[in-house]
């Protein structure tokens, strides 16, 4: 089994809380979807994969592709494809997934948790914001891959 922590849009806040989440569990992979605003050395220490968001100043790779088990992942902040209304943004992300042979796109930017699956079984995942949600409580996501099955769990912080 592979366990994956996905966090986004922390905006430099509550670093200790983020470290506590990471250290309280034994995640195989830790991911930040951008707008972290933490020092680069701290990001390298805490996260397996991370990308800059539209508010980050580091010059890291904006889009990262990787594979876990049988799943092809793309990690991005998502601001690169923003369009209004929201449904158009989602359509653009699904198109990007199809063109780039991605099974899962992990993204942030909206500060709102969502998981969407299209007819081609492409999956879009946004963990929301662990420190600055737009609506409701702060959230992050835990993905598990077990026997080639993928599962997504919303986690809320108080």
Protein backbone atom coordinates (compact mmCIF):
# COMPACT_ATOMS: atom_id res chain seq x y z
CA UNK A 1 0.00 0.00 0.00
CA UNK A 2 1.15 3.53 -0.83
CA UNK A 3 -0.08 6.47 1.27
CA UNK A 4 0.18 9.96 -0.15
CA UNK A 5 -0.33 13.24 1.69
CA UNK A 6 -1.46 16.14 -0.52
CA UNK A 7 -1.48 19.71 0.82
CA UNK A 8 -1.88 23.05 -0.92
CA UNK A 9 -2.22 26.79 -0.47
CA UNK A 10 -0.63 27.17 2.97
CA UNK A 11 0.63 30.70 2.17
CA UNK A 12 3.44 30.62 4.72
CA UNK A 13 1.12 30.02 7.66
CA UNK A 14 1.12 27.41 10.44
CA UNK A 15 4.32 25.61 9.42
CA UNK A 16 4.34 23.76 12.74
CA UNK A 17 0.82 22.44 12.05
CA UNK A 18 1.93 21.20 8.62
CA UNK A 19 5.00 19.52 10.11
CA UNK A 20 2.78 17.88 12.76
CA UNK A 21 0.49 16.46 10.05
CA UNK A 22 3.48 15.04 8.18
CA UNK A 23 5.20 13.59 11.26
CA UNK A 24 2.04 12.19 12.88
CA UNK A 25 1.65 9.68 10.06
CA UNK A 26 4.00 7.55 8.01
CA UNK A 27 3.26 8.78 4.51
CA UNK A 28 5.18 7.20 1.68
CA UNK A 29 4.91 10.36 -0.41
CA UNK A 30 4.27 13.98 0.63
CA UNK A 31 3.09 16.54 -1.92
CA UNK A 32 2.47 20.29 -1.87
CA UNK A 33 0.46 21.78 -4.77
CA UNK A 34 1.90 25.28 -4.49
CA UNK A 35 1.46 28.64 -2.79
CA UNK A 36 3.50 27.32 0.10
CA UNK A 37 5.56 30.46 0.84
CA UNK A 38 7.88 28.42 3.08
CA UNK A 39 11.70 28.47 2.74
CA UNK A 40 12.92 26.22 -0.07
CA UNK A 41 15.15 24.16 2.25
CA UNK A 42 12.11 23.42 4.46
CA UNK A 43 10.07 22.36 1.41
CA UNK A 44 12.83 19.97 0.32
CA UNK A 45 12.94 18.54 3.84
CA UNK A 46 9.17 18.01 4.18
CA UNK A 47 7.89 17.17 0.69
CA UNK A 48 8.72 14.49 -1.85
CA UNK A 49 7.22 16.62 -4.63
CA UNK A 50 6.23 20.28 -4.65
CA UNK A 51 5.59 23.01 -7.19
CA UNK A 52 5.47 26.79 -6.91
CA UNK A 53 2.12 28.55 -7.01
CA UNK A 54 1.36 31.98 -8.37
CA UNK A 55 2.46 33.52 -5.02
CA UNK A 56 5.73 31.60 -4.62
CA UNK A 57 9.02 33.16 -5.66
CA UNK A 58 11.09 30.00 -6.06
CA UNK A 59 11.94 28.99 -9.60
CA UNK A 60 11.04 25.32 -9.21
CA UNK A 61 9.53 23.33 -12.00
CA UNK A 62 5.89 24.46 -12.38
CA UNK A 63 4.59 21.11 -13.58
CA UNK A 64 5.95 17.75 -12.43
CA UNK A 65 5.09 14.32 -13.84
CA UNK A 66 5.66 11.14 -11.86
CA UNK A 67 4.32 7.60 -11.55
CA UNK A 68 3.11 5.77 -8.44
CA UNK A 69 2.05 2.16 -8.83
CA UNK A 70 0.27 2.10 -12.21
CA UNK A 71 -0.93 5.71 -12.05
CA UNK A 72 0.59 8.61 -14.00
CA UNK A 73 0.39 11.79 -11.93
CA UNK A 74 0.79 15.43 -12.88
CA UNK A 75 1.39 17.96 -10.11
CA UNK A 76 0.74 21.66 -10.70
CA UNK A 77 -0.70 24.62 -8.86
CA UNK A 78 -3.44 25.02 -11.45
CA UNK A 79 -3.28 28.77 -11.99
CA UNK A 80 -1.84 28.04 -15.42
CA UNK A 81 -5.27 26.88 -16.63
CA UNK A 82 -7.64 29.13 -14.67
CA UNK A 83 -10.71 30.19 -16.57
CA UNK A 84 -14.19 31.30 -15.63
CA UNK A 85 -16.64 29.82 -15.02
CA UNK A 86 -15.14 27.09 -12.83
CA UNK A 87 -16.46 24.38 -15.15
CA UNK A 88 -14.28 25.76 -17.98
CA UNK A 89 -11.19 25.58 -15.74
CA UNK A 90 -11.99 21.95 -14.91
CA UNK A 91 -12.50 21.16 -18.61
CA UNK A 92 -9.09 22.66 -19.42
CA UNK A 93 -7.45 20.53 -16.71
CA UNK A 94 -9.15 17.38 -18.04
CA UNK A 95 -7.95 18.25 -21.57
CA UNK A 96 -4.42 18.63 -20.23
CA UNK A 97 -4.68 15.24 -18.50
CA UNK A 98 -5.83 13.60 -21.73
CA UNK A 99 -3.08 15.20 -23.84
CA UNK A 100 -0.37 14.23 -21.33
CA UNK A 101 -1.47 10.67 -20.51
CA UNK A 102 -2.14 11.57 -16.87
CA UNK A 103 -4.43 9.45 -14.75
CA UNK A 104 -4.44 11.97 -11.90
CA UNK A 105 -3.82 15.72 -11.80
CA UNK A 106 -3.09 17.17 -8.37
CA UNK A 107 -3.67 20.91 -8.20
CA UNK A 108 -4.56 23.75 -5.85
CA UNK A 109 -5.15 27.48 -6.30
CA UNK A 110 -8.89 27.61 -5.51
CA UNK A 111 -8.50 26.80 -1.79
CA UNK A 112 -11.49 24.46 -2.19
CA UNK A 113 -11.42 20.67 -1.86
CA UNK A 114 -12.65 18.71 -4.84
CA UNK A 115 -12.26 15.39 -6.61
CA UNK A 116 -13.65 15.06 -10.12
CA UNK A 117 -13.61 12.03 -12.44
CA UNK A 118 -14.50 12.28 -16.11
CA UNK A 119 -15.83 9.68 -18.56
CA UNK A 120 -12.23 8.76 -19.52
CA UNK A 121 -11.47 7.97 -15.86
CA UNK A 122 -9.11 10.92 -15.55
CA UNK A 123 -9.10 12.26 -11.99
CA UNK A 124 -8.63 15.86 -10.82
CA UNK A 125 -7.80 16.35 -7.13
CA UNK A 126 -7.59 19.59 -5.20
CA UNK A 127 -6.85 19.20 -1.46
CA UNK A 128 -8.20 22.67 -0.67
CA UNK A 129 -6.17 24.80 1.72
CA UNK A 130 -4.67 23.53 4.96
CA UNK A 131 -4.46 27.07 6.37
CA UNK A 132 -6.70 29.45 4.40
CA UNK A 133 -9.88 27.80 3.12
CA UNK A 134 -12.30 29.89 1.10
CA UNK A 135 -15.30 28.08 2.63
CA UNK A 136 -15.47 25.84 5.69
CA UNK A 137 -12.61 24.24 7.57
CA UNK A 138 -9.01 23.88 6.43
CA UNK A 139 -8.52 20.67 4.44
CA UNK A 140 -5.91 18.36 2.99
CA UNK A 141 -6.09 15.01 1.23
CA UNK A 142 -4.77 11.51 1.81
CA UNK A 143 -4.60 9.23 -1.21
CA UNK A 144 -4.07 5.50 -0.83
CA UNK A 145 -3.16 3.07 -3.55
CA UNK A 146 -3.77 -0.52 -2.53
CA UNK A 147 -3.90 -3.50 -4.90
CA UNK A 148 -3.95 -1.06 -7.84
CA UNK A 149 -7.06 0.68 -6.45
CA UNK A 150 -6.86 4.39 -5.71
CA UNK A 151 -8.84 6.11 -2.95
CA UNK A 152 -9.14 9.76 -1.90
CA UNK A 153 -9.95 10.93 1.64
CA UNK A 154 -10.74 14.48 2.69
CA UNK A 155 -9.17 15.45 6.01
CA UNK A 156 -10.36 18.50 7.95
CA UNK A 157 -8.37 20.49 10.47
CA UNK A 158 -10.04 22.15 13.44
